[in-house]
């Protein structure tokens, strides 16, 4: 492999592609570019999915509001949704505080704050520790008999996949189809039309099929 490629990608990173390419250096570099394109396509799908999911969850959590409260991201409703001093709930409240700070305006809109929250924040919203708080409202905007644990496990897996993709790791091709199916199933909770749109705009399957 040319020295500049090793300097660019590092020996450890490119070695995985050299092995996958049976020590064909040119093919190894093509595999790297293919992987970069696949990860970019997955991130595109995750971006569409995340916006739909957080707006669905936002609609659910608005049901927790009391008179004179305007949004669940305000201090009092947020404290009710994430009560106590447990590590997970404190982390979630701190996540909101950091998101509010990142907006860098005196009175940020709820939408601006939500846009700064991580995918992991939304994935953790269905955790068991929140079964008596956030889940009581989320389940009101989800299909009847939605299983919290099953949804949470799917969201944790999606979050793990998204983190690998965002950090430019080699794509787990065996997991790609499962990831797409998970996203589609949860996207139908927003609406079947949204799930169809997500599929129609995805390039993941065509890129996967074109592996060098």
C-alpha atoms as a PDB file:
ATOM      1  CA  UNK A   1       0.000   0.000   0.000  1.00  0.00           C
ATOM      2  CA  UNK A   2       1.336   3.457  -0.895  1.00  0.00           C
ATOM      3  CA  UNK A   3       2.833   5.323   2.036  1.00  0.00           C
ATOM      4  CA  UNK A   4       0.481   8.297   1.679  1.00  0.00           C
ATOM      5  CA  UNK A   5      -2.550   6.002   2.061  1.00  0.00           C
ATOM      6  CA  UNK A   6      -1.130   4.546   5.271  1.00  0.00           C
ATOM      7  CA  UNK A   7      -0.369   8.058   6.551  1.00  0.00           C
ATOM      8  CA  UNK A   8      -3.924   9.099   5.692  1.00  0.00           C
ATOM      9  CA  UNK A   9      -5.842   6.142   7.097  1.00  0.00           C
ATOM     10  CA  UNK A  10      -3.303   4.571   9.502  1.00  0.00           C
ATOM     11  CA  UNK A  11      -1.905   1.072   9.229  1.00  0.00           C
ATOM     12  CA  UNK A  12      -4.519  -0.372  11.584  1.00  0.00           C
ATOM     13  CA  UNK A  13      -7.470   1.043   9.662  1.00  0.00           C
ATOM     14  CA  UNK A  14      -6.324   0.111   6.167  1.00  0.00           C
ATOM     15  CA  UNK A  15      -5.214  -3.374   7.286  1.00  0.00           C
ATOM     16  CA  UNK A  16      -8.842  -4.433   7.685  1.00  0.00           C
ATOM     17  CA  UNK A  17      -9.536  -3.555   4.058  1.00  0.00           C
ATOM     18  CA  UNK A  18      -6.322  -5.150   2.784  1.00  0.00           C
ATOM     19  CA  UNK A  19      -7.328  -8.419   4.445  1.00  0.00           C
ATOM     20  CA  UNK A  20     -10.873  -8.159   3.061  1.00  0.00           C
ATOM     21  CA  UNK A  21      -9.399  -7.518  -0.404  1.00  0.00           C
ATOM     22  CA  UNK A  22      -7.082 -10.551  -0.232  1.00  0.00           C
ATOM     23  CA  UNK A  23      -4.059  -8.221  -0.172  1.00  0.00           C
ATOM     24  CA  UNK A  24      -5.033  -6.468  -3.394  1.00  0.00           C
ATOM     25  CA  UNK A  25      -4.072  -2.855  -2.544  1.00  0.00           C
ATOM     26  CA  UNK A  26      -6.169  -1.248  -5.274  1.00  0.00           C
ATOM     27  CA  UNK A  27      -9.248  -3.237  -4.276  1.00  0.00           C
ATOM     28  CA  UNK A  28      -8.616  -2.433  -0.610  1.00  0.00           C
ATOM     29  CA  UNK A  29      -8.823   1.280  -1.400  1.00  0.00           C
ATOM     30  CA  UNK A  30     -12.002   0.711  -3.438  1.00  0.00           C
ATOM     31  CA  UNK A  31     -13.463  -1.159  -0.474  1.00  0.00           C
ATOM     32  CA  UNK A  32     -12.629   1.772   1.784  1.00  0.00           C
ATOM     33  CA  UNK A  33     -14.431   4.196  -0.544  1.00  0.00           C
ATOM     34  CA  UNK A  34     -17.364   1.819  -0.842  1.00  0.00           C
ATOM     35  CA  UNK A  35     -17.568   1.626   2.948  1.00  0.00           C
ATOM     36  CA  UNK A  36     -17.432   5.434   3.215  1.00  0.00           C
ATOM     37  CA  UNK A  37     -20.319   5.707   0.740  1.00  0.00           C
ATOM     38  CA  UNK A  38     -22.314   3.049   2.603  1.00  0.00           C
ATOM     39  CA  UNK A  39     -21.794   4.814   5.934  1.00  0.00           C
ATOM     40  CA  UNK A  40     -22.812   8.142   4.389  1.00  0.00           C
ATOM     41  CA  UNK A  41     -25.998   6.562   3.033  1.00  0.00           C
ATOM     42  CA  UNK A  42     -26.770   5.044   6.435  1.00  0.00           C
ATOM     43  CA  UNK A  43     -26.232   8.414   8.127  1.00  0.00           C
ATOM     44  CA  UNK A  44     -28.651   9.975   5.626  1.00  0.00           C
ATOM     45  CA  UNK A  45     -31.290   7.417   6.614  1.00  0.00           C
ATOM     46  CA  UNK A  46     -30.557   7.874  10.309  1.00  0.00           C
ATOM     47  CA  UNK A  47     -30.963  11.648   9.906  1.00  0.00           C
ATOM     48  CA  UNK A  48     -34.424  11.283   8.364  1.00  0.00           C
ATOM     49  CA  UNK A  49     -35.383   8.651  10.924  1.00  0.00           C
ATOM     50  CA  UNK A  50     -34.167  10.673  13.913  1.00  0.00           C
ATOM     51  CA  UNK A  51     -36.145  13.784  12.970  1.00  0.00           C
ATOM     52  CA  UNK A  52     -39.348  11.757  12.657  1.00  0.00           C
ATOM     53  CA  UNK A  53     -38.721   9.890  15.907  1.00  0.00           C
ATOM     54  CA  UNK A  54     -37.924  12.930  18.031  1.00  0.00           C
ATOM     55  CA  UNK A  55     -41.015  14.766  16.778  1.00  0.00           C
ATOM     56  CA  UNK A  56     -43.133  11.711  17.616  1.00  0.00           C
ATOM     57  CA  UNK A  57     -41.633  11.547  21.098  1.00  0.00           C
ATOM     58  CA  UNK A  58     -42.059  15.296  21.488  1.00  0.00           C
ATOM     59  CA  UNK A  59     -45.779  14.940  20.788  1.00  0.00           C
ATOM     60  CA  UNK A  60     -45.988  12.260  23.436  1.00  0.00           C
ATOM     61  CA  UNK A  61     -44.090  14.147  26.128  1.00  0.00           C
ATOM     62  CA  UNK A  62     -46.190  17.265  25.594  1.00  0.00           C
ATOM     63  CA  UNK A  63     -49.007  15.233  27.127  1.00  0.00           C
ATOM     64  CA  UNK A  64     -47.169  15.488  30.466  1.00  0.00           C
ATOM     65  CA  UNK A  65     -47.603  19.253  30.661  1.00  0.00           C
ATOM     66  CA  UNK A  66     -49.590  20.948  33.393  1.00  0.00           C
ATOM     67  CA  UNK A  67     -51.389  24.303  33.195  1.00  0.00           C
ATOM     68  CA  UNK A  68     -49.028  27.238  32.546  1.00  0.00           C
ATOM     69  CA  UNK A  69     -46.296  24.918  31.234  1.00  0.00           C
ATOM     70  CA  UNK A  70     -45.446  25.245  27.559  1.00  0.00           C
ATOM     71  CA  UNK A  71     -42.898  22.499  26.892  1.00  0.00           C
ATOM     72  CA  UNK A  72     -41.475  19.400  28.585  1.00  0.00           C
ATOM     73  CA  UNK A  73     -37.903  20.751  28.204  1.00  0.00           C
ATOM     74  CA  UNK A  74     -38.669  23.432  30.793  1.00  0.00           C
ATOM     75  CA  UNK A  75     -37.128  22.776  34.236  1.00  0.00           C
ATOM     76  CA  UNK A  76     -40.204  21.617  36.155  1.00  0.00           C
ATOM     77  CA  UNK A  77     -41.699  19.183  33.634  1.00  0.00           C
ATOM     78  CA  UNK A  78     -38.205  17.911  32.802  1.00  0.00           C
ATOM     79  CA  UNK A  79     -37.607  17.208  36.505  1.00  0.00           C
ATOM     80  CA  UNK A  80     -40.843  15.209  36.652  1.00  0.00           C
ATOM     81  CA  UNK A  81     -39.895  13.168  33.606  1.00  0.00           C
ATOM     82  CA  UNK A  82     -36.341  12.573  34.849  1.00  0.00           C
ATOM     83  CA  UNK A  83     -36.717  12.667  38.648  1.00  0.00           C
ATOM     84  CA  UNK A  84     -34.266  12.062  41.437  1.00  0.00           C
ATOM     85  CA  UNK A  85     -30.510  11.748  41.679  1.00  0.00           C
ATOM     86  CA  UNK A  86     -30.024   8.477  39.812  1.00  0.00           C
ATOM     87  CA  UNK A  87     -27.105   8.515  37.399  1.00  0.00           C
ATOM     88  CA  UNK A  88     -29.211   7.985  34.269  1.00  0.00           C
ATOM     89  CA  UNK A  89     -31.753  10.702  35.013  1.00  0.00           C
ATOM     90  CA  UNK A  90     -29.098  13.205  36.064  1.00  0.00           C
ATOM     91  CA  UNK A  91     -27.243  12.505  32.815  1.00  0.00           C
ATOM     92  CA  UNK A  92     -30.417  13.087  30.789  1.00  0.00           C
ATOM     93  CA  UNK A  93     -31.126  16.403  32.519  1.00  0.00           C
ATOM     94  CA  UNK A  94     -27.513  17.429  31.947  1.00  0.00           C
ATOM     95  CA  UNK A  95     -27.836  16.458  28.277  1.00  0.00           C
ATOM     96  CA  UNK A  96     -30.713  18.921  27.961  1.00  0.00           C
ATOM     97  CA  UNK A  97     -28.740  21.640  29.765  1.00  0.00           C
ATOM     98  CA  UNK A  98     -25.781  21.156  27.425  1.00  0.00           C
ATOM     99  CA  UNK A  99     -28.067  21.173  24.379  1.00  0.00           C
ATOM    100  CA  UNK A 100     -29.649  24.416  25.560  1.00  0.00           C
ATOM    101  CA  UNK A 101     -26.167  25.940  26.003  1.00  0.00           C
ATOM    102  CA  UNK A 102     -25.049  24.878  22.520  1.00  0.00           C
ATOM    103  CA  UNK A 103     -27.874  26.824  20.895  1.00  0.00           C
ATOM    104  CA  UNK A 104     -26.155  30.005  22.134  1.00  0.00           C
ATOM    105  CA  UNK A 105     -29.192  32.288  22.192  1.00  0.00           C
ATOM    106  CA  UNK A 106     -30.842  33.701  25.353  1.00  0.00           C
ATOM    107  CA  UNK A 107     -34.206  31.949  24.947  1.00  0.00           C
ATOM    108  CA  UNK A 108     -33.827  29.018  22.550  1.00  0.00           C
ATOM    109  CA  UNK A 109     -36.926  27.422  21.086  1.00  0.00           C
ATOM    110  CA  UNK A 110     -37.755  23.838  22.055  1.00  0.00           C
ATOM    111  CA  UNK A 111     -37.104  22.769  18.472  1.00  0.00           C
ATOM    112  CA  UNK A 112     -33.623  24.275  18.553  1.00  0.00           C
ATOM    113  CA  UNK A 113     -32.830  22.443  21.793  1.00  0.00           C
ATOM    114  CA  UNK A 114     -34.178  19.142  20.480  1.00  0.00           C
ATOM    115  CA  UNK A 115     -31.982  19.456  17.410  1.00  0.00           C
ATOM    116  CA  UNK A 116     -28.928  19.567  19.693  1.00  0.00           C
ATOM    117  CA  UNK A 117     -29.837  16.398  21.598  1.00  0.00           C
ATOM    118  CA  UNK A 118     -28.060  13.219  20.556  1.00  0.00           C
ATOM    119  CA  UNK A 119     -29.617  10.141  19.017  1.00  0.00           C
ATOM    120  CA  UNK A 120     -28.659   8.336  22.217  1.00  0.00           C
ATOM    121  CA  UNK A 121     -30.803  10.719  24.275  1.00  0.00           C
ATOM    122  CA  UNK A 122     -33.889   9.664  22.332  1.00  0.00           C
ATOM    123  CA  UNK A 123     -32.867   5.996  22.400  1.00  0.00           C
ATOM    124  CA  UNK A 124     -32.645   6.082  26.206  1.00  0.00           C
ATOM    125  CA  UNK A 125     -36.120   7.563  26.551  1.00  0.00           C
ATOM    126  CA  UNK A 126     -37.649   4.069  26.585  1.00  0.00           C
ATOM    127  CA  UNK A 127     -35.285   2.705  29.263  1.00  0.00           C
ATOM    128  CA  UNK A 128     -36.779   0.661  32.092  1.00  0.00           C
ATOM    129  CA  UNK A 129     -35.883   3.360  34.644  1.00  0.00           C
ATOM    130  CA  UNK A 130     -38.345   5.671  32.849  1.00  0.00           C
ATOM    131  CA  UNK A 131     -41.246   3.217  32.676  1.00  0.00           C
ATOM    132  CA  UNK A 132     -43.295   5.241  35.183  1.00  0.00           C
ATOM    133  CA  UNK A 133     -42.441   8.638  33.667  1.00  0.00           C
ATOM    134  CA  UNK A 134     -41.609   9.174  29.982  1.00  0.00           C
ATOM    135  CA  UNK A 135     -43.082   5.835  28.907  1.00  0.00           C
ATOM    136  CA  UNK A 136     -46.510   6.712  30.325  1.00  0.00           C
ATOM    137  CA  UNK A 137     -46.737   9.500  27.735  1.00  0.00           C
ATOM    138  CA  UNK A 138     -44.802   7.985  24.844  1.00  0.00           C
ATOM    139  CA  UNK A 139     -47.046   4.938  24.728  1.00  0.00           C
ATOM    140  CA  UNK A 140     -50.021   7.235  24.130  1.00  0.00           C
ATOM    141  CA  UNK A 141     -48.651   8.208  20.702  1.00  0.00           C
ATOM    142  CA  UNK A 142     -47.383   4.718  19.814  1.00  0.00           C
ATOM    143  CA  UNK A 143     -49.454   1.851  18.418  1.00  0.00           C
ATOM    144  CA  UNK A 144     -51.535   0.003  21.027  1.00  0.00           C
ATOM    145  CA  UNK A 145     -49.678  -2.758  22.865  1.00  0.00           C
ATOM    146  CA  UNK A 146     -46.253  -1.516  21.776  1.00  0.00           C
ATOM    147  CA  UNK A 147     -43.720  -3.438  23.867  1.00  0.00           C
ATOM    148  CA  UNK A 148     -41.447  -0.985  25.676  1.00  0.00           C
ATOM    149  CA  UNK A 149     -38.592  -3.425  26.169  1.00  0.00           C
ATOM    150  CA  UNK A 150     -38.613  -4.552  22.537  1.00  0.00           C
ATOM    151  CA  UNK A 151     -38.694  -0.962  21.309  1.00  0.00           C
ATOM    152  CA  UNK A 152     -35.891  -0.008  23.678  1.00  0.00           C
ATOM    153  CA  UNK A 153     -33.690  -2.915  22.613  1.00  0.00           C
ATOM    154  CA  UNK A 154     -34.188  -1.953  18.970  1.00  0.00           C
ATOM    155  CA  UNK A 155     -33.338   1.672  19.683  1.00  0.00           C
ATOM    156  CA  UNK A 156     -30.190   0.699  21.605  1.00  0.00           C
ATOM    157  CA  UNK A 157     -29.046  -1.430  18.668  1.00  0.00           C
ATOM    158  CA  UNK A 158     -29.779   1.404  16.243  1.00  0.00           C
ATOM    159  CA  UNK A 159     -27.826   3.804  18.430  1.00  0.00           C
ATOM    160  CA  UNK A 160     -24.850   1.436  18.541  1.00  0.00           C
ATOM    161  CA  UNK A 161     -24.923   1.084  14.763  1.00  0.00           C
ATOM    162  CA  UNK A 162     -25.231   4.821  14.246  1.00  0.00           C
ATOM    163  CA  UNK A 163     -22.235   5.464  16.492  1.00  0.00           C
ATOM    164  CA  UNK A 164     -20.085   3.002  14.549  1.00  0.00           C
ATOM    165  CA  UNK A 165     -21.149   4.557  11.264  1.00  0.00           C
ATOM    166  CA  UNK A 166     -20.576   8.119  12.503  1.00  0.00           C
ATOM    167  CA  UNK A 167     -17.050   7.181  13.579  1.00  0.00           C
ATOM    168  CA  UNK A 168     -16.257   5.798  10.100  1.00  0.00           C
ATOM    169  CA  UNK A 169     -15.860   2.202  11.235  1.00  0.00           C
ATOM    170  CA  UNK A 170     -16.128  -0.647   8.714  1.00  0.00           C
ATOM    171  CA  UNK A 171     -19.796  -1.348   8.077  1.00  0.00           C
ATOM    172  CA  UNK A 172     -21.147  -4.632   9.395  1.00  0.00           C
ATOM    173  CA  UNK A 173     -22.785  -5.778   6.170  1.00  0.00           C
ATOM    174  CA  UNK A 174     -24.549  -8.570   8.007  1.00  0.00           C
ATOM    175  CA  UNK A 175     -26.254  -5.975  10.188  1.00  0.00           C
ATOM    176  CA  UNK A 176     -27.228  -3.497   7.454  1.00  0.00           C
ATOM    177  CA  UNK A 177     -30.469  -5.178   6.411  1.00  0.00           C
ATOM    178  CA  UNK A 178     -31.518  -5.659  10.041  1.00  0.00           C
ATOM    179  CA  UNK A 179     -30.804  -1.971  10.689  1.00  0.00           C
ATOM    180  CA  UNK A 180     -33.018  -0.935   7.772  1.00  0.00           C
ATOM    181  CA  UNK A 181     -35.835  -3.212   8.951  1.00  0.00           C
ATOM    182  CA  UNK A 182     -35.607  -1.832  12.483  1.00  0.00           C
ATOM    183  CA  UNK A 183     -35.767   1.730  11.224  1.00  0.00           C
ATOM    184  CA  UNK A 184     -38.720   0.983   8.976  1.00  0.00           C
ATOM    185  CA  UNK A 185     -40.686  -0.756  11.732  1.00  0.00           C
ATOM    186  CA  UNK A 186     -40.246   2.154  14.119  1.00  0.00           C
ATOM    187  CA  UNK A 187     -40.831   4.684  11.330  1.00  0.00           C
ATOM    188  CA  UNK A 188     -44.302   3.195  10.839  1.00  0.00           C
ATOM    189  CA  UNK A 189     -45.051   4.400  14.373  1.00  0.00           C
ATOM    190  CA  UNK A 190     -44.679   7.937  12.996  1.00  0.00           C
ATOM    191  CA  UNK A 191     -46.757   6.983   9.951  1.00  0.00           C
ATOM    192  CA  UNK A 192     -46.731   4.328   7.210  1.00  0.00           C
ATOM    193  CA  UNK A 193     -46.216   7.106   4.664  1.00  0.00           C
ATOM    194  CA  UNK A 194     -43.076   8.224   6.481  1.00  0.00           C
ATOM    195  CA  UNK A 195     -41.763   4.648   6.486  1.00  0.00           C
ATOM    196  CA  UNK A 196     -42.369   4.432   2.733  1.00  0.00           C
ATOM    197  CA  UNK A 197     -40.614   7.770   2.203  1.00  0.00           C
ATOM    198  CA  UNK A 198     -37.645   6.588   4.261  1.00  0.00           C
ATOM    199  CA  UNK A 199     -37.337   3.514   2.049  1.00  0.00           C
ATOM    200  CA  UNK A 200     -37.752   5.447  -1.174  1.00  0.00           C
ATOM    201  CA  UNK A 201     -34.937   7.879  -0.367  1.00  0.00           C
ATOM    202  CA  UNK A 202     -32.496   5.282   0.934  1.00  0.00           C
ATOM    203  CA  UNK A 203     -29.503   4.299  -1.197  1.00  0.00           C
ATOM    204  CA  UNK A 204     -28.167   1.782   1.296  1.00  0.00           C
ATOM    205  CA  UNK A 205     -29.307  -1.405  -0.456  1.00  0.00           C
ATOM    206  CA  UNK A 206     -28.033  -0.338  -3.877  1.00  0.00           C
ATOM    207  CA  UNK A 207     -24.634   0.571  -2.406  1.00  0.00           C
ATOM    208  CA  UNK A 208     -24.481  -2.683  -0.459  1.00  0.00           C
ATOM    209  CA  UNK A 209     -25.153  -4.640  -3.647  1.00  0.00           C
ATOM    210  CA  UNK A 210     -22.302  -2.828  -5.438  1.00  0.00           C
ATOM    211  CA  UNK A 211     -19.569  -3.970  -3.039  1.00  0.00           C
ATOM    212  CA  UNK A 212     -16.220  -4.238  -4.893  1.00  0.00           C
END
